[in-house]
N, C-alpha and C. Protein backbone atom coordinates (compact mmCIF):
# COMPACT_ATOMS: atom_id res chain seq x y z
N MET A 1 0.84 -1.17 0.00
CA MET A 1 0.00 0.00 0.00
C MET A 1 0.89 1.25 0.00
N ALA A 2 0.60 2.20 -0.85
CA ALA A 2 1.39 3.41 -0.95
C ALA A 2 1.13 4.31 0.26
N GLU A 3 2.21 4.94 0.75
CA GLU A 3 2.08 5.85 1.88
C GLU A 3 1.48 7.17 1.40
N MET A 4 0.53 7.69 2.17
CA MET A 4 -0.06 8.98 1.82
C MET A 4 0.94 10.10 2.07
N GLN A 5 0.90 11.09 1.21
CA GLN A 5 1.77 12.24 1.39
C GLN A 5 1.32 13.02 2.61
N LYS A 6 2.28 13.43 3.44
CA LYS A 6 1.97 14.18 4.65
C LYS A 6 1.70 15.63 4.30
N GLN A 7 0.74 16.22 5.01
CA GLN A 7 0.31 17.58 4.74
C GLN A 7 0.73 18.49 5.91
N VAL A 8 1.28 19.65 5.56
CA VAL A 8 1.79 20.62 6.53
C VAL A 8 1.07 21.94 6.31
N LEU A 9 0.80 22.65 7.41
CA LEU A 9 0.21 23.99 7.33
C LEU A 9 1.26 25.01 7.77
N VAL A 10 1.51 26.00 6.91
CA VAL A 10 2.42 27.10 7.22
C VAL A 10 1.57 28.33 7.48
N VAL A 11 1.68 28.88 8.69
CA VAL A 11 0.90 30.05 9.10
C VAL A 11 1.87 31.20 9.39
N ASP A 12 1.86 32.19 8.51
CA ASP A 12 2.75 33.35 8.68
C ASP A 12 2.19 34.51 7.89
N ASP A 13 2.24 35.70 8.46
CA ASP A 13 1.72 36.88 7.77
C ASP A 13 2.69 37.41 6.73
N ASP A 14 3.91 36.92 6.71
CA ASP A 14 4.91 37.37 5.75
C ASP A 14 4.91 36.45 4.52
N ALA A 15 4.59 37.02 3.36
CA ALA A 15 4.48 36.22 2.13
C ALA A 15 5.80 35.58 1.75
N ASP A 16 6.92 36.27 1.96
CA ASP A 16 8.23 35.70 1.61
C ASP A 16 8.54 34.48 2.47
N THR A 17 8.21 34.55 3.76
CA THR A 17 8.45 33.41 4.65
C THR A 17 7.59 32.23 4.24
N ARG A 18 6.31 32.50 3.94
CA ARG A 18 5.43 31.41 3.48
C ARG A 18 5.98 30.76 2.22
N SER A 19 6.42 31.57 1.28
CA SER A 19 6.94 31.06 0.01
C SER A 19 8.19 30.22 0.22
N LEU A 20 9.12 30.71 1.03
CA LEU A 20 10.36 29.98 1.30
C LEU A 20 10.07 28.65 1.98
N LEU A 21 9.24 28.68 3.03
CA LEU A 21 8.91 27.44 3.73
C LEU A 21 8.16 26.47 2.82
N GLY A 22 7.28 27.00 1.99
CA GLY A 22 6.55 26.14 1.06
C GLY A 22 7.48 25.43 0.10
N ALA A 23 8.44 26.16 -0.45
CA ALA A 23 9.40 25.55 -1.38
C ALA A 23 10.25 24.49 -0.68
N LEU A 24 10.72 24.80 0.52
CA LEU A 24 11.54 23.86 1.29
C LEU A 24 10.80 22.56 1.57
N LEU A 25 9.57 22.70 2.04
CA LEU A 25 8.82 21.53 2.46
C LEU A 25 8.30 20.72 1.29
N THR A 26 7.98 21.38 0.20
CA THR A 26 7.57 20.67 -1.01
C THR A 26 8.71 19.80 -1.52
N ARG A 27 9.94 20.32 -1.46
CA ARG A 27 11.12 19.53 -1.87
C ARG A 27 11.32 18.30 -0.99
N GLN A 28 10.77 18.34 0.23
CA GLN A 28 10.86 17.20 1.14
C GLN A 28 9.73 16.19 0.90
N GLY A 29 8.90 16.46 -0.10
CA GLY A 29 7.82 15.54 -0.43
C GLY A 29 6.55 15.77 0.37
N LEU A 30 6.45 16.92 1.03
CA LEU A 30 5.27 17.23 1.83
C LEU A 30 4.29 18.08 1.02
N LEU A 31 3.01 17.91 1.29
CA LEU A 31 1.99 18.80 0.73
C LEU A 31 1.89 19.99 1.67
N VAL A 32 1.81 21.20 1.13
CA VAL A 32 1.84 22.39 1.97
C VAL A 32 0.61 23.26 1.69
N ASP A 33 -0.07 23.62 2.78
CA ASP A 33 -1.14 24.61 2.73
C ASP A 33 -0.63 25.86 3.44
N PHE A 34 -1.26 27.00 3.13
CA PHE A 34 -0.80 28.28 3.67
C PHE A 34 -1.96 29.05 4.28
N ALA A 35 -1.65 29.78 5.35
CA ALA A 35 -2.58 30.73 5.95
C ALA A 35 -1.79 31.97 6.33
N ASP A 36 -2.38 33.15 6.06
CA ASP A 36 -1.66 34.38 6.37
C ASP A 36 -2.08 35.00 7.70
N ASP A 37 -2.99 34.35 8.42
CA ASP A 37 -3.34 34.79 9.76
C ASP A 37 -3.96 33.63 10.53
N GLY A 38 -4.17 33.84 11.82
CA GLY A 38 -4.67 32.78 12.66
C GLY A 38 -6.08 32.33 12.33
N ALA A 39 -6.94 33.26 11.93
CA ALA A 39 -8.32 32.89 11.60
C ALA A 39 -8.35 31.94 10.40
N ALA A 40 -7.57 32.25 9.38
CA ALA A 40 -7.49 31.38 8.20
C ALA A 40 -6.91 30.02 8.59
N ALA A 41 -5.92 30.03 9.48
CA ALA A 41 -5.31 28.77 9.93
C ALA A 41 -6.32 27.89 10.63
N LEU A 42 -7.09 28.47 11.53
CA LEU A 42 -8.09 27.69 12.27
C LEU A 42 -9.15 27.11 11.34
N ALA A 43 -9.53 27.85 10.31
CA ALA A 43 -10.49 27.34 9.33
C ALA A 43 -9.91 26.14 8.60
N LEU A 44 -8.65 26.23 8.19
CA LEU A 44 -8.01 25.10 7.49
C LEU A 44 -7.85 23.90 8.40
N ILE A 45 -7.46 24.15 9.65
CA ILE A 45 -7.25 23.06 10.60
C ILE A 45 -8.55 22.30 10.86
N SER A 46 -9.66 23.02 10.82
CA SER A 46 -10.94 22.33 11.06
C SER A 46 -11.33 21.43 9.89
N ASP A 47 -10.75 21.66 8.71
CA ASP A 47 -11.10 20.88 7.52
C ASP A 47 -10.06 19.85 7.09
N HIS A 48 -8.86 19.88 7.69
CA HIS A 48 -7.77 19.00 7.27
C HIS A 48 -7.11 18.34 8.47
N SER A 49 -6.42 17.26 8.19
CA SER A 49 -5.63 16.58 9.20
C SER A 49 -4.15 16.79 8.87
N TYR A 50 -3.53 17.75 9.54
CA TYR A 50 -2.14 18.11 9.23
C TYR A 50 -1.16 17.26 10.03
N ALA A 51 -0.04 16.96 9.40
CA ALA A 51 1.04 16.25 10.07
C ALA A 51 1.81 17.20 10.98
N VAL A 52 1.92 18.47 10.57
CA VAL A 52 2.64 19.50 11.34
C VAL A 52 2.02 20.85 11.02
N VAL A 53 2.00 21.73 12.03
CA VAL A 53 1.60 23.12 11.84
C VAL A 53 2.79 23.99 12.19
N LEU A 54 3.27 24.78 11.21
CA LEU A 54 4.31 25.78 11.47
C LEU A 54 3.59 27.09 11.72
N LEU A 55 3.85 27.72 12.85
CA LEU A 55 3.03 28.83 13.31
C LEU A 55 3.86 30.03 13.72
N ASP A 56 3.61 31.15 13.05
CA ASP A 56 4.17 32.43 13.47
C ASP A 56 3.36 32.91 14.67
N LEU A 57 4.01 33.47 15.68
CA LEU A 57 3.29 33.94 16.86
C LEU A 57 2.71 35.33 16.68
N LEU A 58 3.53 36.23 16.13
CA LEU A 58 3.15 37.64 16.09
C LEU A 58 2.61 38.00 14.72
N MET A 59 1.27 38.00 14.62
CA MET A 59 0.58 38.34 13.38
C MET A 59 -0.57 39.29 13.73
N PRO A 60 -0.94 40.14 12.78
CA PRO A 60 -2.11 40.99 13.04
C PRO A 60 -3.39 40.16 13.08
N GLY A 61 -4.40 40.69 13.71
CA GLY A 61 -5.67 39.96 13.81
C GLY A 61 -5.54 38.81 14.80
N THR A 62 -5.96 37.64 14.38
CA THR A 62 -5.85 36.45 15.23
C THR A 62 -4.40 35.99 15.21
N ASP A 63 -3.69 36.19 16.33
CA ASP A 63 -2.26 35.88 16.37
C ASP A 63 -2.01 34.41 16.71
N GLY A 64 -0.74 34.07 16.76
CA GLY A 64 -0.35 32.69 17.04
C GLY A 64 -0.73 32.23 18.44
N PHE A 65 -0.76 33.15 19.40
CA PHE A 65 -1.17 32.78 20.75
C PHE A 65 -2.63 32.32 20.77
N ALA A 66 -3.49 33.02 20.03
CA ALA A 66 -4.90 32.62 19.95
C ALA A 66 -5.04 31.26 19.27
N VAL A 67 -4.23 31.02 18.26
CA VAL A 67 -4.25 29.72 17.58
C VAL A 67 -3.81 28.63 18.56
N LEU A 68 -2.73 28.88 19.31
CA LEU A 68 -2.27 27.90 20.29
C LEU A 68 -3.35 27.60 21.33
N ASP A 69 -4.06 28.63 21.78
CA ASP A 69 -5.14 28.41 22.75
C ASP A 69 -6.20 27.48 22.16
N ARG A 70 -6.55 27.70 20.92
CA ARG A 70 -7.57 26.86 20.26
C ARG A 70 -7.05 25.44 20.04
N LEU A 71 -5.77 25.33 19.68
CA LEU A 71 -5.19 24.01 19.43
C LEU A 71 -5.04 23.20 20.71
N ALA A 72 -5.11 23.85 21.85
CA ALA A 72 -4.99 23.15 23.13
C ALA A 72 -6.19 22.24 23.39
N GLN A 73 -7.27 22.49 22.68
CA GLN A 73 -8.45 21.64 22.84
C GLN A 73 -8.21 20.33 22.08
N PRO A 74 -8.27 19.21 22.77
CA PRO A 74 -7.91 17.92 22.16
C PRO A 74 -8.69 17.57 20.89
N SER A 75 -9.90 18.07 20.77
CA SER A 75 -10.71 17.71 19.61
C SER A 75 -10.33 18.49 18.36
N VAL A 76 -9.46 19.49 18.48
CA VAL A 76 -9.13 20.34 17.33
C VAL A 76 -8.10 19.67 16.43
N THR A 77 -6.95 19.32 16.95
CA THR A 77 -5.91 18.64 16.16
C THR A 77 -4.88 18.02 17.09
N SER A 78 -4.24 16.98 16.60
CA SER A 78 -3.13 16.39 17.35
C SER A 78 -1.81 16.69 16.65
N ALA A 79 -1.84 17.57 15.67
CA ALA A 79 -0.64 17.88 14.89
C ALA A 79 0.41 18.56 15.76
N PRO A 80 1.66 18.15 15.62
CA PRO A 80 2.74 18.87 16.31
C PRO A 80 2.79 20.31 15.83
N VAL A 81 3.11 21.22 16.73
CA VAL A 81 3.23 22.64 16.40
C VAL A 81 4.69 23.06 16.50
N VAL A 82 5.18 23.67 15.42
CA VAL A 82 6.54 24.23 15.40
C VAL A 82 6.37 25.74 15.26
N LEU A 83 6.89 26.48 16.23
CA LEU A 83 6.81 27.94 16.17
C LEU A 83 7.88 28.49 15.24
N VAL A 84 7.51 29.47 14.46
CA VAL A 84 8.45 30.20 13.60
C VAL A 84 8.40 31.64 14.11
N ILE A 85 9.47 32.06 14.80
CA ILE A 85 9.42 33.35 15.49
C ILE A 85 10.56 34.26 15.06
N THR A 86 10.28 35.56 15.10
CA THR A 86 11.31 36.55 14.80
C THR A 86 12.19 36.78 16.01
N GLY A 87 11.61 36.78 17.16
CA GLY A 87 12.34 36.96 18.41
C GLY A 87 11.39 36.64 19.53
N ALA A 88 11.93 36.40 20.67
CA ALA A 88 11.07 36.13 21.81
C ALA A 88 11.71 36.73 23.05
N ASP A 89 11.12 37.82 23.52
CA ASP A 89 11.61 38.36 24.77
C ASP A 89 10.94 37.60 25.92
N ARG A 90 11.27 37.94 27.12
CA ARG A 90 10.78 37.22 28.30
C ARG A 90 9.24 37.18 28.31
N SER A 91 8.56 38.27 27.93
CA SER A 91 7.10 38.29 27.97
C SER A 91 6.49 37.28 27.01
N VAL A 92 7.14 37.06 25.87
CA VAL A 92 6.65 36.06 24.91
C VAL A 92 6.86 34.66 25.48
N VAL A 93 8.04 34.38 25.99
CA VAL A 93 8.34 33.05 26.53
C VAL A 93 7.39 32.72 27.69
N ASP A 94 7.09 33.71 28.53
CA ASP A 94 6.21 33.47 29.67
C ASP A 94 4.80 33.10 29.24
N ARG A 95 4.38 33.51 28.04
CA ARG A 95 3.03 33.22 27.55
C ARG A 95 2.92 31.85 26.89
N LEU A 96 4.03 31.17 26.68
CA LEU A 96 4.00 29.90 25.97
C LEU A 96 3.82 28.74 26.92
N ASP A 97 3.08 27.75 26.48
CA ASP A 97 2.87 26.52 27.22
C ASP A 97 3.67 25.44 26.48
N ALA A 98 4.76 25.01 27.08
CA ALA A 98 5.68 24.09 26.41
C ALA A 98 5.04 22.76 26.05
N ARG A 99 3.94 22.41 26.69
CA ARG A 99 3.30 21.13 26.37
C ARG A 99 2.68 21.14 24.98
N ARG A 100 2.46 22.32 24.40
CA ARG A 100 1.81 22.40 23.09
C ARG A 100 2.80 22.62 21.96
N ILE A 101 4.07 22.77 22.26
CA ILE A 101 5.04 23.17 21.24
C ILE A 101 6.07 22.06 21.05
N HIS A 102 6.29 21.68 19.78
CA HIS A 102 7.22 20.60 19.47
C HIS A 102 8.56 21.10 18.99
N GLY A 103 8.67 22.35 18.64
CA GLY A 103 9.94 22.90 18.18
C GLY A 103 9.81 24.40 17.97
N VAL A 104 10.95 25.05 17.92
CA VAL A 104 11.00 26.50 17.71
C VAL A 104 12.04 26.78 16.64
N VAL A 105 11.65 27.59 15.66
CA VAL A 105 12.56 28.02 14.60
C VAL A 105 12.62 29.54 14.69
N ARG A 106 13.83 30.06 14.81
CA ARG A 106 13.99 31.51 14.93
C ARG A 106 14.44 32.10 13.60
N LYS A 107 13.72 33.15 13.15
CA LYS A 107 14.08 33.85 11.92
C LYS A 107 15.27 34.76 12.21
N PRO A 108 16.21 34.90 11.31
CA PRO A 108 16.34 34.13 10.07
C PRO A 108 16.76 32.70 10.39
N PHE A 109 16.24 31.76 9.63
CA PHE A 109 16.49 30.35 9.94
C PHE A 109 17.32 29.69 8.85
N ASP A 110 17.92 28.56 9.24
CA ASP A 110 18.65 27.73 8.31
C ASP A 110 17.62 26.82 7.62
N PRO A 111 17.45 26.95 6.31
CA PRO A 111 16.41 26.18 5.61
C PRO A 111 16.51 24.67 5.82
N GLU A 112 17.70 24.15 5.82
CA GLU A 112 17.86 22.69 5.98
C GLU A 112 17.46 22.24 7.38
N GLU A 113 17.75 23.06 8.40
CA GLU A 113 17.37 22.70 9.77
C GLU A 113 15.85 22.71 9.92
N VAL A 114 15.19 23.69 9.30
CA VAL A 114 13.73 23.75 9.36
C VAL A 114 13.14 22.52 8.70
N ALA A 115 13.62 22.19 7.52
CA ALA A 115 13.10 21.03 6.79
C ALA A 115 13.29 19.76 7.62
N ALA A 116 14.46 19.59 8.21
CA ALA A 116 14.73 18.39 9.01
C ALA A 116 13.81 18.32 10.23
N LEU A 117 13.59 19.44 10.89
CA LEU A 117 12.71 19.47 12.06
C LEU A 117 11.28 19.11 11.68
N VAL A 118 10.77 19.68 10.61
CA VAL A 118 9.39 19.41 10.20
C VAL A 118 9.23 17.95 9.77
N VAL A 119 10.16 17.44 9.01
CA VAL A 119 10.09 16.04 8.59
C VAL A 119 10.14 15.12 9.80
N ALA A 120 11.01 15.43 10.78
CA ALA A 120 11.09 14.61 11.99
C ALA A 120 9.77 14.62 12.75
N CYS A 121 9.18 15.80 12.90
CA CYS A 121 7.88 15.89 13.59
C CYS A 121 6.81 15.11 12.85
N ALA A 122 6.76 15.24 11.55
CA ALA A 122 5.76 14.53 10.74
C ALA A 122 5.97 13.02 10.83
N ASP A 123 7.21 12.58 10.77
CA ASP A 123 7.50 11.14 10.83
C ASP A 123 7.13 10.56 12.19
N ILE A 124 7.47 11.27 13.23
CA ILE A 124 7.18 10.76 14.57
C ILE A 124 5.67 10.73 14.79
N LYS A 125 4.96 11.75 14.35
CA LYS A 125 3.50 11.77 14.51
C LYS A 125 2.87 10.60 13.77
N SER A 126 3.41 10.27 12.61
CA SER A 126 2.80 9.20 11.83
C SER A 126 3.06 7.82 12.43
N ARG A 127 4.12 7.67 13.23
CA ARG A 127 4.43 6.37 13.83
C ARG A 127 3.68 6.14 15.13
N SER A 128 3.61 7.16 15.98
CA SER A 128 2.91 7.01 17.26
C SER A 128 2.77 8.37 17.91
N THR A 129 2.05 8.40 19.00
CA THR A 129 1.84 9.65 19.72
C THR A 129 2.82 9.72 20.86
N PHE A 130 3.66 10.74 20.84
CA PHE A 130 4.61 11.00 21.91
C PHE A 130 4.14 12.21 22.69
N GLY A 131 4.54 12.31 23.94
CA GLY A 131 4.30 13.54 24.68
C GLY A 131 5.13 14.66 24.06
N THR A 132 4.60 15.83 24.07
CA THR A 132 5.27 16.97 23.44
C THR A 132 6.64 17.20 24.02
N MET A 133 6.76 17.15 25.33
CA MET A 133 8.05 17.44 25.94
C MET A 133 9.08 16.39 25.53
N ALA A 134 8.69 15.14 25.44
CA ALA A 134 9.62 14.10 25.02
C ALA A 134 10.11 14.36 23.60
N LEU A 135 9.21 14.75 22.71
CA LEU A 135 9.59 15.04 21.34
C LEU A 135 10.51 16.24 21.27
N ALA A 136 10.17 17.30 22.01
CA ALA A 136 10.99 18.51 21.99
C ALA A 136 12.37 18.22 22.55
N THR A 137 12.43 17.40 23.60
CA THR A 137 13.73 17.07 24.18
C THR A 137 14.57 16.29 23.19
N MET A 138 13.92 15.36 22.47
CA MET A 138 14.66 14.58 21.50
C MET A 138 15.21 15.47 20.38
N LEU A 139 14.39 16.41 19.89
CA LEU A 139 14.81 17.25 18.78
C LEU A 139 15.80 18.33 19.20
N ALA A 140 15.60 18.90 20.38
CA ALA A 140 16.44 20.03 20.79
C ALA A 140 17.59 19.59 21.68
N GLY A 141 17.53 18.40 22.22
CA GLY A 141 18.60 17.92 23.07
C GLY A 141 18.55 18.48 24.47
N SER A 142 17.55 19.26 24.81
CA SER A 142 17.38 19.79 26.15
C SER A 142 15.90 20.06 26.33
N SER A 143 15.53 20.46 27.55
CA SER A 143 14.10 20.70 27.73
C SER A 143 13.67 21.90 26.90
N LEU A 144 12.44 21.87 26.43
CA LEU A 144 11.93 22.94 25.57
C LEU A 144 11.92 24.27 26.30
N LEU A 145 11.59 24.26 27.58
CA LEU A 145 11.58 25.52 28.32
C LEU A 145 12.98 26.13 28.38
N GLU A 146 14.02 25.30 28.58
CA GLU A 146 15.39 25.81 28.54
C GLU A 146 15.67 26.42 27.18
N TRP A 147 15.23 25.75 26.13
CA TRP A 147 15.48 26.20 24.77
C TRP A 147 14.77 27.52 24.50
N LEU A 148 13.51 27.61 24.94
CA LEU A 148 12.76 28.85 24.77
C LEU A 148 13.40 29.99 25.57
N ASN A 149 13.89 29.67 26.76
CA ASN A 149 14.51 30.71 27.58
C ASN A 149 15.74 31.30 26.91
N ARG A 150 16.42 30.52 26.08
CA ARG A 150 17.58 31.07 25.35
C ARG A 150 17.17 32.22 24.43
N PHE A 151 15.93 32.16 23.91
CA PHE A 151 15.46 33.22 23.03
C PHE A 151 15.13 34.50 23.79
N ALA A 152 14.95 34.39 25.09
CA ALA A 152 14.54 35.55 25.89
C ALA A 152 15.74 36.40 26.31
N ARG A 153 16.92 35.97 26.03
CA ARG A 153 18.10 36.74 26.45
C ARG A 153 18.36 37.88 25.52
C-alpha cells in the first residue's frame, strides 16, 4: 500500500516566509497549505488533518497565541506545532505553554534545519503519539523551556 503524502500547514503573515517554507517543504515531499493569519489557519485546521503546523506567533488579527489556545483543545488537532518566530523576549516566553510546542525556529532560519525538524515531527507523529516534551527534548537535546529561555536573552 502506498504511503499517503503528509500535509503541513504554514501560518505566517509574511508572504516571503510562506513562500520559502513552502518551497523547502515541497522539496521534502510534503503537501503544503498556507494561511496568512490565525483565523485562516483555524479554518483550514478544522477541515484537514495536518502532520505538522508551522506557526508564526506575532501576526495581526488572530495571532499565534490565539491559535495555540484553540489548538490546546484535544478535539481540534493532534498535529505537532513548530513555532516560527522573529524573536522572543521574556514576555513572549512566559506566555508559551511548552506542552503544546514541538519545536522552535527563529528567523532568520537555516532552511535545511527547518526542513529536518518538520520532517522529523511529521514522521514521529505518523508512527505514534509521543508527549510533546519528550519530542521537543529529542529534537532540541534539552528541555523545551530551557530552549525557549535562550530566546529571551
